[in-house]
N, C-alpha and C. Protein backbone atom coordinates (compact mmCIF):
# COMPACT_ATOMS: atom_id res chain seq x y z
N MET A 1 0.84 -1.18 0.00
CA MET A 1 0.00 0.00 0.00
C MET A 1 0.88 1.24 0.00
N ALA A 2 0.68 2.11 -0.93
CA ALA A 2 1.51 3.31 -1.07
C ALA A 2 1.13 4.35 -0.02
N LYS A 3 2.16 5.02 0.45
CA LYS A 3 1.91 6.11 1.41
C LYS A 3 1.37 7.32 0.65
N SER A 4 0.39 7.96 1.26
CA SER A 4 -0.12 9.17 0.62
C SER A 4 0.70 10.37 1.08
N ARG A 5 0.94 11.24 0.16
CA ARG A 5 1.72 12.45 0.44
C ARG A 5 0.75 13.59 0.72
N PRO A 6 1.18 14.51 1.59
CA PRO A 6 0.33 15.68 1.81
C PRO A 6 0.19 16.46 0.51
N ALA A 7 -0.98 17.00 0.31
CA ALA A 7 -1.22 17.79 -0.90
C ALA A 7 -0.32 19.02 -0.89
N LYS A 8 0.24 19.31 -2.06
CA LYS A 8 1.08 20.49 -2.19
C LYS A 8 0.19 21.73 -2.23
N VAL A 9 0.59 22.74 -1.50
CA VAL A 9 -0.15 23.99 -1.53
C VAL A 9 0.49 24.87 -2.60
N SER A 10 -0.28 25.23 -3.61
CA SER A 10 0.28 26.10 -4.64
C SER A 10 0.24 27.54 -4.13
N LEU A 11 1.31 28.22 -4.35
CA LEU A 11 1.43 29.59 -3.87
C LEU A 11 0.90 30.56 -4.91
N SER A 12 0.41 31.67 -4.45
CA SER A 12 -0.05 32.74 -5.33
C SER A 12 1.07 33.76 -5.48
N GLN A 13 0.96 34.60 -6.48
CA GLN A 13 1.99 35.60 -6.71
C GLN A 13 1.41 37.00 -6.76
N LEU A 14 2.25 37.96 -6.40
CA LEU A 14 1.92 39.36 -6.61
C LEU A 14 3.15 40.00 -7.22
N ARG A 15 2.93 41.08 -7.91
CA ARG A 15 4.03 41.77 -8.59
C ARG A 15 4.18 43.16 -8.00
N ILE A 16 5.42 43.53 -7.67
CA ILE A 16 5.71 44.89 -7.24
C ILE A 16 5.64 45.76 -8.49
N ILE A 17 4.88 46.86 -8.42
CA ILE A 17 4.62 47.63 -9.64
C ILE A 17 5.47 48.88 -9.81
N GLY A 18 6.21 49.28 -8.76
CA GLY A 18 7.04 50.47 -8.91
C GLY A 18 8.22 50.47 -7.97
N GLY A 19 9.16 51.37 -8.21
CA GLY A 19 10.29 51.53 -7.32
C GLY A 19 11.44 50.57 -7.61
N ARG A 20 12.31 50.40 -6.62
CA ARG A 20 13.54 49.62 -6.83
C ARG A 20 13.30 48.14 -7.11
N TRP A 21 12.18 47.59 -6.66
CA TRP A 21 11.86 46.18 -6.91
C TRP A 21 10.81 46.02 -8.00
N ARG A 22 10.63 47.04 -8.80
CA ARG A 22 9.60 47.02 -9.85
C ARG A 22 9.73 45.75 -10.69
N GLY A 23 8.57 45.09 -10.91
CA GLY A 23 8.54 43.89 -11.72
C GLY A 23 8.83 42.60 -10.97
N ARG A 24 9.34 42.69 -9.74
CA ARG A 24 9.63 41.48 -8.96
C ARG A 24 8.33 40.77 -8.63
N LYS A 25 8.32 39.47 -8.81
CA LYS A 25 7.17 38.66 -8.45
C LYS A 25 7.48 37.97 -7.13
N LEU A 26 6.55 38.11 -6.19
CA LEU A 26 6.72 37.52 -4.87
C LEU A 26 5.58 36.55 -4.60
N GLN A 27 5.86 35.55 -3.79
CA GLN A 27 4.85 34.54 -3.49
C GLN A 27 4.19 34.80 -2.15
N PHE A 28 2.95 34.35 -2.05
CA PHE A 28 2.25 34.39 -0.77
C PHE A 28 1.30 33.21 -0.71
N ALA A 29 0.96 32.82 0.51
CA ALA A 29 0.07 31.68 0.71
C ALA A 29 -1.36 32.06 0.32
N PRO A 30 -2.05 31.21 -0.44
CA PRO A 30 -3.43 31.49 -0.83
C PRO A 30 -4.39 31.13 0.31
N LEU A 31 -4.56 32.02 1.25
CA LEU A 31 -5.38 31.78 2.43
C LEU A 31 -6.78 32.36 2.25
N GLU A 32 -7.75 31.74 2.88
CA GLU A 32 -9.12 32.22 2.80
C GLU A 32 -9.21 33.65 3.33
N GLY A 33 -9.89 34.51 2.59
CA GLY A 33 -10.06 35.90 2.99
C GLY A 33 -8.90 36.80 2.59
N LEU A 34 -7.82 36.23 2.09
CA LEU A 34 -6.65 37.03 1.69
C LEU A 34 -6.85 37.49 0.25
N ARG A 35 -6.95 38.81 0.06
CA ARG A 35 -7.14 39.37 -1.27
C ARG A 35 -6.22 40.57 -1.40
N PRO A 36 -5.02 40.33 -1.94
CA PRO A 36 -4.10 41.46 -2.10
C PRO A 36 -4.71 42.56 -2.95
N THR A 37 -4.42 43.79 -2.60
CA THR A 37 -4.88 44.92 -3.39
C THR A 37 -4.33 44.78 -4.80
N GLY A 38 -5.22 44.83 -5.79
CA GLY A 38 -4.83 44.62 -7.18
C GLY A 38 -3.89 45.69 -7.72
N ASP A 39 -3.26 45.37 -8.82
CA ASP A 39 -2.28 46.27 -9.44
C ASP A 39 -2.86 47.65 -9.73
N ARG A 40 -4.05 47.71 -10.32
CA ARG A 40 -4.64 49.01 -10.68
C ARG A 40 -4.91 49.87 -9.45
N LEU A 41 -5.45 49.24 -8.40
CA LEU A 41 -5.72 49.99 -7.18
C LEU A 41 -4.42 50.42 -6.51
N ARG A 42 -3.42 49.54 -6.50
CA ARG A 42 -2.13 49.91 -5.91
C ARG A 42 -1.49 51.05 -6.68
N GLU A 43 -1.60 51.02 -7.99
CA GLU A 43 -1.04 52.11 -8.80
C GLU A 43 -1.70 53.44 -8.44
N THR A 44 -3.03 53.44 -8.32
CA THR A 44 -3.75 54.66 -7.92
C THR A 44 -3.30 55.11 -6.54
N LEU A 45 -3.29 54.20 -5.58
CA LEU A 45 -2.89 54.54 -4.22
C LEU A 45 -1.49 55.14 -4.18
N PHE A 46 -0.54 54.51 -4.86
CA PHE A 46 0.83 55.01 -4.77
C PHE A 46 1.05 56.26 -5.61
N ASN A 47 0.18 56.52 -6.57
CA ASN A 47 0.19 57.85 -7.21
C ASN A 47 -0.25 58.90 -6.19
N TRP A 48 -1.27 58.58 -5.39
CA TRP A 48 -1.72 59.50 -4.34
C TRP A 48 -0.60 59.77 -3.33
N LEU A 49 0.19 58.75 -3.02
CA LEU A 49 1.19 58.84 -1.95
C LEU A 49 2.59 59.24 -2.43
N GLN A 50 2.79 59.40 -3.71
CA GLN A 50 4.14 59.53 -4.25
C GLN A 50 4.98 60.64 -3.60
N PHE A 51 4.39 61.71 -3.18
CA PHE A 51 5.18 62.80 -2.60
C PHE A 51 5.36 62.66 -1.10
N TYR A 52 4.62 61.76 -0.48
CA TYR A 52 4.68 61.56 0.97
C TYR A 52 5.50 60.34 1.36
N LEU A 53 5.72 59.44 0.42
CA LEU A 53 6.31 58.15 0.73
C LEU A 53 7.81 58.16 0.99
N PRO A 54 8.63 58.87 0.23
CA PRO A 54 10.07 58.81 0.49
C PRO A 54 10.40 59.21 1.93
N GLY A 55 11.07 58.29 2.63
CA GLY A 55 11.46 58.53 4.02
C GLY A 55 10.38 58.30 5.05
N ALA A 56 9.17 57.91 4.62
CA ALA A 56 8.04 57.74 5.55
C ALA A 56 8.18 56.47 6.38
N ARG A 57 7.67 56.54 7.57
CA ARG A 57 7.57 55.38 8.46
C ARG A 57 6.15 54.84 8.29
N CYS A 58 6.02 53.57 7.86
CA CYS A 58 4.72 53.01 7.48
C CYS A 58 4.33 51.83 8.36
N LEU A 59 3.03 51.64 8.47
CA LEU A 59 2.44 50.52 9.19
C LEU A 59 1.44 49.85 8.26
N ASP A 60 1.64 48.54 8.03
CA ASP A 60 0.74 47.76 7.19
C ASP A 60 -0.03 46.81 8.11
N LEU A 61 -1.21 47.26 8.55
CA LEU A 61 -2.07 46.43 9.40
C LEU A 61 -2.81 45.41 8.54
N PHE A 62 -3.10 44.24 9.07
CA PHE A 62 -3.76 43.19 8.31
C PHE A 62 -2.96 42.93 7.03
N ALA A 63 -1.65 42.77 7.17
CA ALA A 63 -0.72 42.77 6.04
C ALA A 63 -1.00 41.69 5.00
N GLY A 64 -1.43 40.50 5.41
CA GLY A 64 -1.71 39.44 4.44
C GLY A 64 -0.50 39.13 3.58
N SER A 65 -0.61 39.39 2.30
CA SER A 65 0.48 39.15 1.36
C SER A 65 1.60 40.18 1.51
N GLY A 66 1.29 41.29 2.15
CA GLY A 66 2.27 42.37 2.30
C GLY A 66 2.35 43.29 1.10
N ALA A 67 1.40 43.17 0.17
CA ALA A 67 1.46 43.94 -1.08
C ALA A 67 1.63 45.44 -0.85
N LEU A 68 0.90 46.02 0.09
CA LEU A 68 0.97 47.47 0.29
C LEU A 68 2.29 47.88 0.94
N GLY A 69 2.68 47.19 1.99
CA GLY A 69 3.93 47.53 2.66
C GLY A 69 5.15 47.27 1.80
N LEU A 70 5.14 46.19 1.02
CA LEU A 70 6.26 45.89 0.12
C LEU A 70 6.37 46.95 -0.97
N GLU A 71 5.23 47.38 -1.50
CA GLU A 71 5.23 48.45 -2.51
C GLU A 71 5.78 49.74 -1.90
N ALA A 72 5.39 50.03 -0.65
CA ALA A 72 5.90 51.24 0.04
C ALA A 72 7.41 51.17 0.20
N LEU A 73 7.93 50.02 0.62
CA LEU A 73 9.38 49.86 0.75
C LEU A 73 10.08 50.04 -0.59
N SER A 74 9.51 49.44 -1.63
CA SER A 74 10.10 49.54 -2.96
C SER A 74 10.17 50.98 -3.44
N ARG A 75 9.21 51.79 -3.01
CA ARG A 75 9.12 53.17 -3.47
C ARG A 75 9.73 54.19 -2.50
N GLY A 76 10.50 53.72 -1.52
CA GLY A 76 11.27 54.67 -0.73
C GLY A 76 10.87 54.89 0.71
N ALA A 77 9.91 54.12 1.25
CA ALA A 77 9.59 54.26 2.67
C ALA A 77 10.84 53.92 3.48
N SER A 78 11.07 54.64 4.57
CA SER A 78 12.26 54.37 5.37
C SER A 78 12.14 53.08 6.16
N GLU A 79 10.92 52.73 6.57
CA GLU A 79 10.70 51.47 7.26
C GLU A 79 9.21 51.13 7.25
N VAL A 80 8.95 49.83 7.40
CA VAL A 80 7.56 49.35 7.44
C VAL A 80 7.44 48.29 8.52
N ASP A 81 6.41 48.43 9.35
CA ASP A 81 6.01 47.39 10.28
C ASP A 81 4.81 46.69 9.67
N PHE A 82 4.91 45.37 9.50
CA PHE A 82 3.82 44.55 8.98
C PHE A 82 3.17 43.84 10.15
N VAL A 83 1.85 43.90 10.26
CA VAL A 83 1.12 43.21 11.32
C VAL A 83 0.18 42.21 10.65
N GLU A 84 0.38 40.93 10.97
CA GLU A 84 -0.42 39.87 10.37
C GLU A 84 -0.68 38.78 11.39
N LEU A 85 -1.93 38.45 11.60
CA LEU A 85 -2.33 37.45 12.58
C LEU A 85 -2.05 36.02 12.13
N ASN A 86 -2.29 35.71 10.87
CA ASN A 86 -2.14 34.34 10.37
C ASN A 86 -0.66 33.93 10.36
N PRO A 87 -0.29 32.85 11.07
CA PRO A 87 1.12 32.47 11.14
C PRO A 87 1.72 32.09 9.79
N ASP A 88 0.93 31.46 8.90
CA ASP A 88 1.46 31.09 7.58
C ASP A 88 1.74 32.33 6.73
N ALA A 89 0.82 33.28 6.76
CA ALA A 89 1.02 34.52 6.00
C ALA A 89 2.20 35.31 6.57
N ALA A 90 2.33 35.37 7.89
CA ALA A 90 3.45 36.08 8.52
C ALA A 90 4.78 35.42 8.15
N ARG A 91 4.81 34.09 8.15
CA ARG A 91 6.03 33.36 7.80
C ARG A 91 6.42 33.64 6.35
N MET A 92 5.44 33.59 5.44
CA MET A 92 5.72 33.86 4.02
C MET A 92 6.22 35.29 3.83
N LEU A 93 5.63 36.21 4.57
CA LEU A 93 6.05 37.61 4.46
C LEU A 93 7.50 37.78 4.93
N LYS A 94 7.87 37.12 6.02
CA LYS A 94 9.26 37.16 6.49
C LYS A 94 10.20 36.60 5.44
N GLN A 95 9.78 35.52 4.78
CA GLN A 95 10.61 34.93 3.72
C GLN A 95 10.80 35.90 2.56
N GLN A 96 9.73 36.58 2.17
CA GLN A 96 9.83 37.53 1.06
C GLN A 96 10.74 38.71 1.41
N LEU A 97 10.64 39.19 2.64
CA LEU A 97 11.51 40.29 3.08
C LEU A 97 12.96 39.86 3.09
N ALA A 98 13.23 38.63 3.52
CA ALA A 98 14.61 38.11 3.51
C ALA A 98 15.12 38.00 2.08
N LEU A 99 14.28 37.51 1.17
CA LEU A 99 14.64 37.39 -0.24
C LEU A 99 15.01 38.76 -0.83
N LEU A 100 14.27 39.78 -0.43
CA LEU A 100 14.52 41.14 -0.92
C LEU A 100 15.64 41.85 -0.15
N GLU A 101 16.12 41.21 0.92
CA GLU A 101 17.14 41.80 1.79
C GLU A 101 16.65 43.13 2.36
N ALA A 102 15.40 43.15 2.77
CA ALA A 102 14.79 44.36 3.34
C ALA A 102 15.01 44.36 4.85
N ASP A 103 16.06 45.02 5.28
CA ASP A 103 16.38 45.05 6.71
C ASP A 103 15.69 46.21 7.43
N ASN A 104 14.87 46.96 6.70
CA ASN A 104 14.14 48.08 7.29
C ASN A 104 12.66 47.75 7.46
N ALA A 105 12.38 46.46 7.67
CA ALA A 105 10.99 46.01 7.84
C ALA A 105 10.93 44.95 8.95
N ARG A 106 9.81 44.95 9.65
CA ARG A 106 9.59 43.97 10.72
C ARG A 106 8.19 43.38 10.54
N VAL A 107 8.09 42.08 10.80
CA VAL A 107 6.80 41.40 10.75
C VAL A 107 6.40 41.08 12.18
N HIS A 108 5.21 41.50 12.57
CA HIS A 108 4.66 41.23 13.89
C HIS A 108 3.51 40.25 13.71
N GLN A 109 3.68 39.01 14.18
CA GLN A 109 2.61 38.03 14.05
C GLN A 109 1.66 38.24 15.23
N ASP A 110 0.64 39.07 14.98
CA ASP A 110 -0.26 39.52 16.04
C ASP A 110 -1.53 40.07 15.39
N SER A 111 -2.55 40.27 16.18
CA SER A 111 -3.75 40.93 15.66
C SER A 111 -3.49 42.44 15.63
N ALA A 112 -4.19 43.12 14.75
CA ALA A 112 -4.06 44.58 14.68
C ALA A 112 -4.46 45.21 16.01
N ALA A 113 -5.54 44.70 16.62
CA ALA A 113 -6.02 45.26 17.89
C ALA A 113 -4.96 45.12 18.99
N ALA A 114 -4.33 43.95 19.09
CA ALA A 114 -3.30 43.75 20.12
C ALA A 114 -2.09 44.63 19.84
N PHE A 115 -1.69 44.74 18.58
CA PHE A 115 -0.54 45.58 18.23
C PHE A 115 -0.81 47.04 18.59
N LEU A 116 -2.02 47.52 18.26
CA LEU A 116 -2.36 48.92 18.52
C LEU A 116 -2.60 49.20 20.00
N ALA A 117 -2.83 48.17 20.80
CA ALA A 117 -3.03 48.36 22.24
C ALA A 117 -1.71 48.61 22.97
N ARG A 118 -0.60 48.29 22.32
CA ARG A 118 0.72 48.50 22.92
C ARG A 118 1.29 49.85 22.49
N PRO A 119 2.17 50.43 23.32
CA PRO A 119 2.84 51.65 22.87
C PRO A 119 3.71 51.36 21.65
N ALA A 120 3.71 52.26 20.72
CA ALA A 120 4.53 52.11 19.51
C ALA A 120 4.91 53.50 19.03
N ALA A 121 5.90 53.53 18.18
CA ALA A 121 6.30 54.79 17.59
C ALA A 121 5.18 55.28 16.66
N SER A 122 5.27 56.52 16.27
CA SER A 122 4.23 57.06 15.40
C SER A 122 4.57 56.78 13.93
N TYR A 123 3.53 56.72 13.13
CA TYR A 123 3.66 56.37 11.71
C TYR A 123 3.17 57.53 10.85
N ASP A 124 3.82 57.68 9.69
CA ASP A 124 3.46 58.71 8.72
C ASP A 124 2.36 58.23 7.78
N ILE A 125 2.41 56.94 7.44
CA ILE A 125 1.43 56.35 6.53
C ILE A 125 1.01 55.00 7.10
N VAL A 126 -0.31 54.76 7.13
CA VAL A 126 -0.85 53.50 7.64
C VAL A 126 -1.78 52.91 6.59
N PHE A 127 -1.64 51.60 6.36
CA PHE A 127 -2.50 50.88 5.44
C PHE A 127 -3.47 50.03 6.26
N VAL A 128 -4.77 50.24 6.07
CA VAL A 128 -5.81 49.50 6.80
C VAL A 128 -6.67 48.78 5.76
N ASP A 129 -6.42 47.49 5.60
CA ASP A 129 -7.12 46.68 4.61
C ASP A 129 -7.47 45.33 5.23
N PRO A 130 -8.41 45.33 6.20
CA PRO A 130 -8.74 44.08 6.89
C PRO A 130 -9.61 43.15 6.02
N PRO A 131 -9.71 41.89 6.44
CA PRO A 131 -10.65 41.00 5.73
C PRO A 131 -12.05 41.63 5.75
N PHE A 132 -12.70 41.64 4.62
CA PHE A 132 -13.99 42.31 4.53
C PHE A 132 -15.03 41.70 5.46
N ALA A 133 -14.96 40.41 5.71
CA ALA A 133 -15.96 39.74 6.55
C ALA A 133 -15.86 40.15 8.02
N GLY A 134 -14.72 40.69 8.44
CA GLY A 134 -14.50 40.99 9.85
C GLY A 134 -15.09 42.29 10.36
N ASP A 135 -15.43 43.22 9.48
CA ASP A 135 -15.98 44.53 9.88
C ASP A 135 -15.13 45.20 10.96
N LEU A 136 -13.84 45.32 10.69
CA LEU A 136 -12.87 45.82 11.68
C LEU A 136 -12.46 47.27 11.47
N TRP A 137 -13.07 47.98 10.53
CA TRP A 137 -12.61 49.32 10.16
C TRP A 137 -12.76 50.31 11.31
N GLN A 138 -13.93 50.40 11.88
CA GLN A 138 -14.19 51.44 12.90
C GLN A 138 -13.29 51.27 14.12
N GLN A 139 -13.20 50.05 14.65
CA GLN A 139 -12.39 49.85 15.84
C GLN A 139 -10.91 50.08 15.55
N THR A 140 -10.48 49.74 14.34
CA THR A 140 -9.08 49.97 13.97
C THR A 140 -8.78 51.46 13.88
N LEU A 141 -9.65 52.21 13.21
CA LEU A 141 -9.43 53.66 13.10
C LEU A 141 -9.44 54.32 14.47
N ALA A 142 -10.33 53.88 15.36
CA ALA A 142 -10.38 54.45 16.71
C ALA A 142 -9.09 54.19 17.49
N ALA A 143 -8.50 53.03 17.29
CA ALA A 143 -7.28 52.67 18.02
C ALA A 143 -6.02 53.27 17.41
N LEU A 144 -6.11 53.78 16.19
CA LEU A 144 -4.93 54.29 15.48
C LEU A 144 -4.40 55.63 15.98
N ALA A 145 -5.28 56.50 16.42
CA ALA A 145 -4.90 57.89 16.71
C ALA A 145 -3.59 58.05 17.50
N PRO A 146 -3.35 57.31 18.58
CA PRO A 146 -2.10 57.50 19.32
C PRO A 146 -0.84 57.08 18.56
N HIS A 147 -1.01 56.40 17.44
CA HIS A 147 0.13 55.89 16.67
C HIS A 147 0.42 56.72 15.42
N LEU A 148 -0.23 57.87 15.28
CA LEU A 148 -0.10 58.66 14.06
C LEU A 148 0.80 59.87 14.28
N ALA A 149 1.71 60.07 13.35
CA ALA A 149 2.54 61.27 13.35
C ALA A 149 1.68 62.44 12.88
N GLU A 150 2.14 63.64 13.14
CA GLU A 150 1.42 64.82 12.67
C GLU A 150 1.33 64.77 11.15
N GLY A 151 0.14 64.99 10.62
CA GLY A 151 -0.06 64.97 9.17
C GLY A 151 -0.11 63.58 8.57
N ALA A 152 -0.30 62.55 9.38
CA ALA A 152 -0.31 61.17 8.88
C ALA A 152 -1.43 60.95 7.87
N LEU A 153 -1.17 60.02 6.95
CA LEU A 153 -2.16 59.61 5.96
C LEU A 153 -2.51 58.15 6.21
N ILE A 154 -3.79 57.83 6.08
CA ILE A 154 -4.26 56.48 6.35
C ILE A 154 -5.05 56.01 5.13
N TYR A 155 -4.60 54.90 4.56
CA TYR A 155 -5.31 54.29 3.44
C TYR A 155 -6.27 53.25 4.00
N VAL A 156 -7.53 53.32 3.60
CA VAL A 156 -8.54 52.38 4.06
C VAL A 156 -9.23 51.78 2.84
N GLU A 157 -9.25 50.44 2.79
CA GLU A 157 -9.91 49.73 1.70
C GLU A 157 -11.11 48.99 2.28
N THR A 158 -12.29 49.24 1.71
CA THR A 158 -13.54 48.65 2.20
C THR A 158 -14.34 48.09 1.03
N PRO A 159 -15.40 47.32 1.33
CA PRO A 159 -16.34 46.99 0.27
C PRO A 159 -16.93 48.28 -0.30
N ARG A 160 -17.32 48.25 -1.52
CA ARG A 160 -17.78 49.43 -2.26
C ARG A 160 -18.79 50.29 -1.49
N ASP A 161 -19.77 49.67 -0.86
CA ASP A 161 -20.84 50.44 -0.23
C ASP A 161 -20.69 50.56 1.29
N LYS A 162 -19.52 50.25 1.83
CA LYS A 162 -19.30 50.34 3.28
C LYS A 162 -19.09 51.80 3.68
N ALA A 163 -19.99 52.29 4.53
CA ALA A 163 -19.84 53.66 5.04
C ALA A 163 -18.95 53.63 6.28
N LEU A 164 -18.14 54.66 6.44
CA LEU A 164 -17.32 54.80 7.64
C LEU A 164 -17.87 55.96 8.46
N SER A 165 -17.96 55.77 9.76
CA SER A 165 -18.36 56.86 10.66
C SER A 165 -17.08 57.53 11.13
N LEU A 166 -16.82 58.70 10.58
CA LEU A 166 -15.59 59.42 10.92
C LEU A 166 -15.91 60.61 11.81
N THR A 167 -15.13 60.77 12.86
CA THR A 167 -15.29 61.94 13.72
C THR A 167 -14.68 63.15 13.04
N GLU A 168 -14.89 64.32 13.63
CA GLU A 168 -14.43 65.57 12.99
C GLU A 168 -12.92 65.68 12.86
N ASP A 169 -12.15 64.84 13.57
CA ASP A 169 -10.69 64.92 13.45
C ASP A 169 -10.16 64.08 12.29
N TRP A 170 -11.03 63.43 11.53
CA TRP A 170 -10.65 62.69 10.34
C TRP A 170 -11.15 63.44 9.11
N ARG A 171 -10.36 63.38 8.04
CA ARG A 171 -10.77 64.02 6.79
C ARG A 171 -10.49 63.08 5.62
N ILE A 172 -11.43 62.98 4.71
CA ILE A 172 -11.21 62.19 3.50
C ILE A 172 -10.46 63.06 2.50
N GLU A 173 -9.24 62.65 2.17
CA GLU A 173 -8.41 63.40 1.20
C GLU A 173 -8.71 62.95 -0.23
N LYS A 174 -8.86 61.64 -0.42
CA LYS A 174 -9.13 61.08 -1.75
C LYS A 174 -10.06 59.89 -1.56
N GLU A 175 -10.86 59.62 -2.58
CA GLU A 175 -11.77 58.47 -2.53
C GLU A 175 -12.03 58.01 -3.95
N LYS A 176 -12.05 56.69 -4.12
CA LYS A 176 -12.31 56.12 -5.44
C LYS A 176 -12.99 54.77 -5.26
N ARG A 177 -13.95 54.49 -6.12
CA ARG A 177 -14.60 53.18 -6.16
C ARG A 177 -14.18 52.48 -7.44
N ALA A 178 -13.84 51.20 -7.29
CA ALA A 178 -13.45 50.39 -8.44
C ALA A 178 -13.95 48.98 -8.21
N GLY A 179 -14.81 48.51 -9.11
CA GLY A 179 -15.38 47.18 -8.92
C GLY A 179 -16.15 47.12 -7.61
N GLN A 180 -15.84 46.15 -6.77
CA GLN A 180 -16.53 45.97 -5.49
C GLN A 180 -15.79 46.62 -4.33
N VAL A 181 -14.82 47.49 -4.62
CA VAL A 181 -13.96 48.07 -3.59
C VAL A 181 -14.08 49.59 -3.56
N CYS A 182 -14.01 50.15 -2.35
CA CYS A 182 -13.87 51.59 -2.18
C CYS A 182 -12.54 51.84 -1.49
N MET A 183 -11.74 52.69 -2.08
CA MET A 183 -10.45 53.04 -1.50
C MET A 183 -10.51 54.50 -1.05
N ARG A 184 -10.03 54.73 0.18
CA ARG A 184 -10.05 56.09 0.73
C ARG A 184 -8.68 56.41 1.31
N LEU A 185 -8.27 57.65 1.12
CA LEU A 185 -7.08 58.16 1.77
C LEU A 185 -7.54 59.21 2.77
N LEU A 186 -7.28 58.93 4.04
CA LEU A 186 -7.73 59.82 5.12
C LEU A 186 -6.54 60.53 5.73
N SER A 187 -6.81 61.67 6.35
CA SER A 187 -5.80 62.33 7.18
C SER A 187 -6.42 62.51 8.56
N HIS A 188 -5.56 62.66 9.55
CA HIS A 188 -6.01 62.79 10.94
C HIS A 188 -5.26 63.94 11.58
């Protein structure tokens, strides 16, 4: 009787679209609920951020594949903290950072809520792209304020028709709907 082998997990790929790693294809685990921001949306986002990104300290919450934080590093961010709860996704992200020799990035295998509950340095740019099924936008934005540098920009990706309740200290700088997604750039 032949021994059965564990099924091979095929990896998914994403492509860095700009900066020093432009065109590099990186792998990530195809996990349920993981939907990297597509090339067109990333291009729009990084066009919005192009003048703010060089030298910026960034936080990629709900990092997943790391597409947003990796793109930020490629385009000149001084450092990026990636926060990802799933151990397989966090491990793959660490492998990709090692492959790129990115010594200005750290992966925190933790929930966004737990990470934000601890003291941390302030960030210039924050990416908030949680799993859509979790409805984590409001609590994440509420917990972010103590971690924001003056003039910080926050990218939030939601389902197309998801409304955000923003207090008067938040401002929508840019907003775009594409397909089933709404992308917003906020300032605080």
